[in-house]
Amino acid sequence: MYTDIIKSKIGLVLIIILATVISINASRVDESILKNNISTSTILFTEGLFFLISIIISALVMPDIRKKMLSDMKKLTYTNIAMLGFYSLVGIGIAFIANDALLHHGTDEVKMFELIVGFLITGLIYFFTTNKNYL
């Protein structure tokens, strides 16, 4: 049932809606925490700690997930690991910059600009990198 929902267009739309709502609410929480003079480093560390704990608990409680994770870790190439590490570091750097912008502009303005600029950039990337001829 889960796989059928995920494969459907409606399932995709529902996932995007859920991710968007979570993202906006998470940004509001970050903004509120930042306004209380709590640093971005503390926020990222706390979020990372919860992420790590949830992965560890999942791996301990669910043997199928643990087996799959260990199997997949062995399949990762050095290039895969390097790219994941690179994008993680870039993401952390962007998180510091984004939190500074969040303090100055607020969640609503940041999310509106993220939507507009993201739409334009994504459209341009797809336009120039796809094999389809749109003209």
N, C-alpha and C. Protein backbone atom coordinates (compact mmCIF):
# COMPACT_ATOMS: atom_id res chain seq x y z
N MET A 1 0.82 -1.20 0.00
CA MET A 1 0.00 0.00 0.00
C MET A 1 0.87 1.26 0.00
N TYR A 2 1.88 1.28 0.88
CA TYR A 2 2.78 2.43 0.96
C TYR A 2 3.44 2.71 -0.39
N THR A 3 3.95 1.66 -1.02
CA THR A 3 4.62 1.80 -2.31
C THR A 3 3.67 2.32 -3.38
N ASP A 4 2.42 1.84 -3.36
CA ASP A 4 1.43 2.31 -4.33
C ASP A 4 1.17 3.81 -4.18
N ILE A 5 1.08 4.26 -2.94
CA ILE A 5 0.84 5.69 -2.68
C ILE A 5 2.04 6.51 -3.15
N ILE A 6 3.24 6.07 -2.80
CA ILE A 6 4.45 6.80 -3.17
C ILE A 6 4.62 6.89 -4.68
N LYS A 7 4.24 5.84 -5.41
CA LYS A 7 4.40 5.82 -6.86
C LYS A 7 3.37 6.68 -7.58
N SER A 8 2.27 7.02 -6.92
CA SER A 8 1.20 7.78 -7.59
C SER A 8 1.52 9.27 -7.60
N LYS A 9 0.92 9.99 -8.54
CA LYS A 9 1.09 11.45 -8.63
C LYS A 9 0.50 12.12 -7.39
N ILE A 10 -0.64 11.60 -6.92
CA ILE A 10 -1.26 12.16 -5.71
C ILE A 10 -0.33 11.98 -4.52
N GLY A 11 0.30 10.82 -4.43
CA GLY A 11 1.26 10.57 -3.35
C GLY A 11 2.42 11.55 -3.41
N LEU A 12 2.92 11.80 -4.62
CA LEU A 12 4.01 12.76 -4.79
C LEU A 12 3.58 14.15 -4.33
N VAL A 13 2.39 14.57 -4.72
CA VAL A 13 1.88 15.88 -4.32
C VAL A 13 1.74 15.94 -2.80
N LEU A 14 1.22 14.89 -2.19
CA LEU A 14 1.06 14.86 -0.73
C LEU A 14 2.41 14.95 -0.02
N ILE A 15 3.41 14.26 -0.54
CA ILE A 15 4.75 14.32 0.05
C ILE A 15 5.30 15.74 -0.04
N ILE A 16 5.13 16.39 -1.19
CA ILE A 16 5.63 17.75 -1.37
C ILE A 16 4.89 18.72 -0.45
N ILE A 17 3.57 18.55 -0.31
CA ILE A 17 2.79 19.39 0.61
C ILE A 17 3.31 19.21 2.03
N LEU A 18 3.47 17.97 2.46
CA LEU A 18 3.95 17.69 3.81
C LEU A 18 5.34 18.29 4.04
N ALA A 19 6.24 18.09 3.09
CA ALA A 19 7.60 18.63 3.21
C ALA A 19 7.59 20.15 3.28
N THR A 20 6.72 20.79 2.50
CA THR A 20 6.63 22.25 2.50
C THR A 20 6.12 22.77 3.84
N VAL A 21 5.07 22.16 4.36
CA VAL A 21 4.51 22.58 5.65
C VAL A 21 5.54 22.39 6.76
N ILE A 22 6.22 21.25 6.77
CA ILE A 22 7.25 20.99 7.78
C ILE A 22 8.38 22.02 7.65
N SER A 23 8.81 22.30 6.42
CA SER A 23 9.89 23.25 6.19
C SER A 23 9.55 24.64 6.69
N ILE A 24 8.34 25.11 6.40
CA ILE A 24 7.94 26.44 6.86
C ILE A 24 7.88 26.49 8.38
N ASN A 25 7.28 25.46 8.99
CA ASN A 25 7.20 25.44 10.45
C ASN A 25 8.58 25.33 11.09
N ALA A 26 9.47 24.53 10.50
CA ALA A 26 10.84 24.41 11.02
C ALA A 26 11.57 25.74 10.93
N SER A 27 11.36 26.48 9.85
CA SER A 27 11.97 27.80 9.71
C SER A 27 11.45 28.76 10.77
N ARG A 28 10.16 28.69 11.05
CA ARG A 28 9.59 29.55 12.10
C ARG A 28 10.18 29.21 13.47
N VAL A 29 10.36 27.92 13.73
CA VAL A 29 10.98 27.50 14.99
C VAL A 29 12.42 28.01 15.05
N ASP A 30 13.18 27.84 13.96
CA ASP A 30 14.56 28.34 13.91
C ASP A 30 14.59 29.84 14.16
N GLU A 31 13.71 30.58 13.51
CA GLU A 31 13.66 32.04 13.68
C GLU A 31 13.40 32.40 15.14
N SER A 32 12.46 31.72 15.75
CA SER A 32 12.13 31.97 17.16
C SER A 32 13.32 31.68 18.07
N ILE A 33 14.00 30.57 17.81
CA ILE A 33 15.17 30.20 18.62
C ILE A 33 16.30 31.21 18.42
N LEU A 34 16.54 31.61 17.17
CA LEU A 34 17.59 32.59 16.88
C LEU A 34 17.32 33.93 17.56
N LYS A 35 16.06 34.33 17.62
CA LYS A 35 15.70 35.60 18.28
C LYS A 35 15.95 35.55 19.78
N ASN A 36 16.08 34.35 20.34
CA ASN A 36 16.41 34.19 21.75
C ASN A 36 17.93 34.08 21.97
N ASN A 37 18.69 34.54 20.97
CA ASN A 37 20.16 34.57 21.02
C ASN A 37 20.79 33.18 21.18
N ILE A 38 20.17 32.18 20.57
CA ILE A 38 20.77 30.85 20.52
C ILE A 38 21.43 30.72 19.15
N SER A 39 22.66 30.26 19.13
CA SER A 39 23.45 30.27 17.90
C SER A 39 23.01 29.20 16.90
N THR A 40 23.35 29.47 15.65
CA THR A 40 23.11 28.51 14.57
C THR A 40 23.84 27.20 14.86
N SER A 41 25.05 27.30 15.40
CA SER A 41 25.82 26.09 15.72
C SER A 41 25.06 25.20 16.69
N THR A 42 24.44 25.80 17.70
CA THR A 42 23.67 25.03 18.68
C THR A 42 22.45 24.39 18.03
N ILE A 43 21.77 25.14 17.18
CA ILE A 43 20.59 24.61 16.48
C ILE A 43 20.99 23.43 15.60
N LEU A 44 22.05 23.59 14.79
CA LEU A 44 22.48 22.52 13.89
C LEU A 44 22.96 21.30 14.66
N PHE A 45 23.68 21.52 15.76
CA PHE A 45 24.15 20.40 16.58
C PHE A 45 22.96 19.63 17.15
N THR A 46 21.97 20.36 17.67
CA THR A 46 20.80 19.72 18.26
C THR A 46 20.02 18.94 17.21
N GLU A 47 19.80 19.55 16.03
CA GLU A 47 19.09 18.85 14.95
C GLU A 47 19.86 17.61 14.51
N GLY A 48 21.18 17.74 14.37
CA GLY A 48 22.02 16.62 13.97
C GLY A 48 22.00 15.49 14.99
N LEU A 49 21.99 15.87 16.27
CA LEU A 49 21.93 14.87 17.34
C LEU A 49 20.63 14.08 17.28
N PHE A 50 19.51 14.77 17.09
CA PHE A 50 18.22 14.08 16.96
C PHE A 50 18.20 13.17 15.73
N PHE A 51 18.77 13.64 14.64
CA PHE A 51 18.85 12.84 13.42
C PHE A 51 19.65 11.56 13.67
N LEU A 52 20.82 11.72 14.29
CA LEU A 52 21.69 10.57 14.57
C LEU A 52 21.00 9.58 15.51
N ILE A 53 20.37 10.09 16.56
CA ILE A 53 19.68 9.22 17.52
C ILE A 53 18.55 8.45 16.83
N SER A 54 17.80 9.12 15.95
CA SER A 54 16.69 8.43 15.27
C SER A 54 17.21 7.34 14.33
N ILE A 55 18.33 7.58 13.67
CA ILE A 55 18.93 6.56 12.80
C ILE A 55 19.42 5.37 13.63
N ILE A 56 20.08 5.66 14.74
CA ILE A 56 20.59 4.58 15.60
C ILE A 56 19.44 3.75 16.17
N ILE A 57 18.40 4.41 16.66
CA ILE A 57 17.25 3.69 17.21
C ILE A 57 16.58 2.84 16.12
N SER A 58 16.40 3.42 14.93
CA SER A 58 15.81 2.66 13.82
C SER A 58 16.63 1.42 13.51
N ALA A 59 17.94 1.59 13.47
CA ALA A 59 18.83 0.46 13.15
C ALA A 59 18.81 -0.59 14.25
N LEU A 60 18.68 -0.18 15.49
CA LEU A 60 18.65 -1.13 16.60
C LEU A 60 17.33 -1.88 16.69
N VAL A 61 16.23 -1.17 16.44
CA VAL A 61 14.89 -1.74 16.63
C VAL A 61 14.42 -2.53 15.42
N MET A 62 14.85 -2.13 14.22
CA MET A 62 14.35 -2.77 13.00
C MET A 62 15.49 -3.48 12.27
N PRO A 63 15.56 -4.80 12.40
CA PRO A 63 16.67 -5.55 11.80
C PRO A 63 16.77 -5.38 10.28
N ASP A 64 15.64 -5.26 9.58
CA ASP A 64 15.69 -5.10 8.12
C ASP A 64 16.40 -3.80 7.74
N ILE A 65 16.11 -2.74 8.47
CA ILE A 65 16.76 -1.45 8.19
C ILE A 65 18.25 -1.57 8.48
N ARG A 66 18.60 -2.20 9.60
CA ARG A 66 20.01 -2.36 9.97
C ARG A 66 20.77 -3.14 8.90
N LYS A 67 20.21 -4.27 8.44
CA LYS A 67 20.87 -5.08 7.41
C LYS A 67 21.04 -4.31 6.11
N LYS A 68 19.98 -3.61 5.71
CA LYS A 68 20.03 -2.83 4.46
C LYS A 68 21.07 -1.71 4.57
N MET A 69 21.09 -1.03 5.73
CA MET A 69 22.03 0.07 5.92
C MET A 69 23.47 -0.44 5.87
N LEU A 70 23.76 -1.53 6.57
CA LEU A 70 25.11 -2.08 6.56
C LEU A 70 25.50 -2.57 5.16
N SER A 71 24.57 -3.19 4.47
CA SER A 71 24.82 -3.65 3.10
C SER A 71 25.10 -2.47 2.17
N ASP A 72 24.29 -1.43 2.30
CA ASP A 72 24.46 -0.26 1.44
C ASP A 72 25.76 0.49 1.74
N MET A 73 26.15 0.54 3.01
CA MET A 73 27.39 1.24 3.37
C MET A 73 28.59 0.60 2.67
N LYS A 74 28.55 -0.71 2.52
CA LYS A 74 29.64 -1.42 1.85
C LYS A 74 29.67 -1.12 0.35
N LYS A 75 28.54 -0.72 -0.21
CA LYS A 75 28.45 -0.44 -1.65
C LYS A 75 28.91 0.97 -2.00
N LEU A 76 28.97 1.86 -1.01
CA LEU A 76 29.36 3.24 -1.29
C LEU A 76 30.81 3.29 -1.76
N THR A 77 31.03 4.04 -2.82
CA THR A 77 32.39 4.23 -3.31
C THR A 77 33.00 5.44 -2.60
N TYR A 78 34.31 5.59 -2.74
CA TYR A 78 34.97 6.76 -2.16
C TYR A 78 34.42 8.05 -2.77
N THR A 79 34.09 7.98 -4.05
CA THR A 79 33.51 9.15 -4.72
C THR A 79 32.15 9.48 -4.12
N ASN A 80 31.31 8.46 -3.89
CA ASN A 80 30.01 8.69 -3.25
C ASN A 80 30.18 9.36 -1.89
N ILE A 81 31.10 8.82 -1.10
CA ILE A 81 31.33 9.34 0.25
C ILE A 81 31.84 10.78 0.18
N ALA A 82 32.77 11.03 -0.74
CA ALA A 82 33.32 12.38 -0.89
C ALA A 82 32.23 13.37 -1.30
N MET A 83 31.37 12.98 -2.24
CA MET A 83 30.30 13.87 -2.69
C MET A 83 29.29 14.12 -1.57
N LEU A 84 28.91 13.07 -0.83
CA LEU A 84 28.00 13.25 0.30
C LEU A 84 28.61 14.18 1.35
N GLY A 85 29.90 13.99 1.62
CA GLY A 85 30.59 14.86 2.58
C GLY A 85 30.65 16.29 2.09
N PHE A 86 30.97 16.47 0.81
CA PHE A 86 31.04 17.82 0.24
C PHE A 86 29.70 18.54 0.35
N TYR A 87 28.62 17.88 -0.09
CA TYR A 87 27.31 18.52 -0.04
C TYR A 87 26.83 18.74 1.39
N SER A 88 27.24 17.88 2.31
CA SER A 88 26.90 18.10 3.72
C SER A 88 27.58 19.36 4.25
N LEU A 89 28.86 19.52 3.93
CA LEU A 89 29.60 20.71 4.38
C LEU A 89 29.05 21.98 3.74
N VAL A 90 28.74 21.91 2.45
CA VAL A 90 28.14 23.07 1.77
C VAL A 90 26.79 23.39 2.41
N GLY A 91 26.00 22.35 2.70
CA GLY A 91 24.70 22.55 3.33
C GLY A 91 24.81 23.21 4.69
N ILE A 92 25.81 22.82 5.46
CA ILE A 92 26.02 23.44 6.77
C ILE A 92 26.39 24.91 6.60
N GLY A 93 27.27 25.19 5.64
CA GLY A 93 27.63 26.58 5.37
C GLY A 93 26.43 27.41 4.96
N ILE A 94 25.61 26.86 4.10
CA ILE A 94 24.40 27.56 3.66
C ILE A 94 23.43 27.75 4.83
N ALA A 95 23.36 26.78 5.73
CA ALA A 95 22.48 26.90 6.90
C ALA A 95 22.89 28.09 7.77
N PHE A 96 24.19 28.33 7.94
CA PHE A 96 24.65 29.48 8.71
C PHE A 96 24.21 30.78 8.04
N ILE A 97 24.41 30.86 6.72
CA ILE A 97 24.03 32.06 5.97
C ILE A 97 22.51 32.24 5.99
N ALA A 98 21.78 31.16 5.79
CA ALA A 98 20.31 31.22 5.76
C ALA A 98 19.75 31.67 7.11
N ASN A 99 20.35 31.21 8.20
CA ASN A 99 19.87 31.64 9.52
C ASN A 99 20.13 33.12 9.75
N ASP A 100 21.25 33.64 9.24
CA ASP A 100 21.47 35.09 9.32
C ASP A 100 20.40 35.84 8.53
N ALA A 101 20.09 35.35 7.34
CA ALA A 101 19.04 35.98 6.52
C ALA A 101 17.69 35.88 7.22
N LEU A 102 17.43 34.77 7.87
CA LEU A 102 16.17 34.55 8.58
C LEU A 102 15.99 35.59 9.68
N LEU A 103 17.06 35.92 10.39
CA LEU A 103 16.98 36.94 11.44
C LEU A 103 16.66 38.31 10.87
N HIS A 104 17.19 38.62 9.70
CA HIS A 104 17.00 39.95 9.12
C HIS A 104 15.70 40.08 8.34
N HIS A 105 15.24 39.01 7.72
CA HIS A 105 14.08 39.11 6.82
C HIS A 105 12.83 38.40 7.32
N GLY A 106 12.97 37.44 8.22
CA GLY A 106 11.81 36.70 8.72
C GLY A 106 11.46 35.53 7.82
N THR A 107 10.74 34.58 8.39
CA THR A 107 10.39 33.34 7.70
C THR A 107 9.59 33.58 6.43
N ASP A 108 8.56 34.43 6.52
CA ASP A 108 7.67 34.62 5.37
C ASP A 108 8.42 35.17 4.16
N GLU A 109 9.25 36.18 4.38
CA GLU A 109 9.99 36.77 3.26
C GLU A 109 11.02 35.79 2.70
N VAL A 110 11.74 35.10 3.57
CA VAL A 110 12.74 34.13 3.12
C VAL A 110 12.08 33.02 2.30
N LYS A 111 10.98 32.48 2.79
CA LYS A 111 10.30 31.39 2.08
C LYS A 111 9.72 31.86 0.75
N MET A 112 9.21 33.09 0.69
CA MET A 112 8.66 33.62 -0.57
C MET A 112 9.78 33.76 -1.60
N PHE A 113 10.92 34.33 -1.19
CA PHE A 113 12.04 34.46 -2.12
C PHE A 113 12.61 33.10 -2.50
N GLU A 114 12.63 32.16 -1.55
CA GLU A 114 13.09 30.79 -1.85
C GLU A 114 12.22 30.17 -2.93
N LEU A 115 10.92 30.39 -2.84
CA LEU A 115 9.99 29.84 -3.83
C LEU A 115 10.23 30.47 -5.21
N ILE A 116 10.29 31.79 -5.26
CA ILE A 116 10.43 32.49 -6.54
C ILE A 116 11.78 32.19 -7.19
N VAL A 117 12.86 32.37 -6.45
CA VAL A 117 14.19 32.15 -7.00
C VAL A 117 14.39 30.67 -7.33
N GLY A 118 13.93 29.79 -6.45
CA GLY A 118 14.05 28.35 -6.69
C GLY A 118 13.32 27.93 -7.95
N PHE A 119 12.13 28.49 -8.16
CA PHE A 119 11.34 28.19 -9.36
C PHE A 119 12.09 28.61 -10.61
N LEU A 120 12.64 29.82 -10.60
CA LEU A 120 13.38 30.33 -11.76
C LEU A 120 14.65 29.52 -12.03
N ILE A 121 15.43 29.28 -11.00
CA ILE A 121 16.69 28.54 -11.17
C ILE A 121 16.43 27.11 -11.62
N THR A 122 15.46 26.45 -10.98
CA THR A 122 15.14 25.07 -11.36
C THR A 122 14.66 25.01 -12.80
N GLY A 123 13.82 25.95 -13.19
CA GLY A 123 13.34 26.00 -14.57
C GLY A 123 14.48 26.16 -15.56
N LEU A 124 15.40 27.07 -15.26
CA LEU A 124 16.54 27.29 -16.14
C LEU A 124 17.44 26.04 -16.22
N ILE A 125 17.68 25.42 -15.08
CA ILE A 125 18.52 24.21 -15.08
C ILE A 125 17.87 23.12 -15.93
N TYR A 126 16.57 22.88 -15.74
CA TYR A 126 15.90 21.86 -16.54
C TYR A 126 15.87 22.24 -18.01
N PHE A 127 15.67 23.52 -18.30
CA PHE A 127 15.61 23.98 -19.69
C PHE A 127 16.93 23.71 -20.40
N PHE A 128 18.05 24.00 -19.73
CA PHE A 128 19.35 23.87 -20.38
C PHE A 128 19.96 22.48 -20.29
N THR A 129 19.46 21.62 -19.41
CA THR A 129 20.09 20.31 -19.24
C THR A 129 19.25 19.14 -19.74
N THR A 130 18.01 19.37 -20.09
CA THR A 130 17.15 18.26 -20.53
C THR A 130 17.39 17.96 -22.00
N ASN A 131 17.03 16.77 -22.40
CA ASN A 131 17.17 16.36 -23.80
C ASN A 131 15.98 16.80 -24.65
N LYS A 132 14.91 17.23 -24.00
CA LYS A 132 13.71 17.62 -24.74
C LYS A 132 13.89 19.00 -25.35
N ASN A 133 13.27 19.20 -26.49
CA ASN A 133 13.30 20.49 -27.16
C ASN A 133 12.01 21.23 -26.84
N TYR A 134 12.10 22.28 -26.03
CA TYR A 134 10.92 23.02 -25.60
C TYR A 134 10.56 24.16 -26.55
N LEU A 135 11.43 24.47 -27.49
CA LEU A 135 11.15 25.60 -28.38
C LEU A 135 10.57 25.17 -29.69
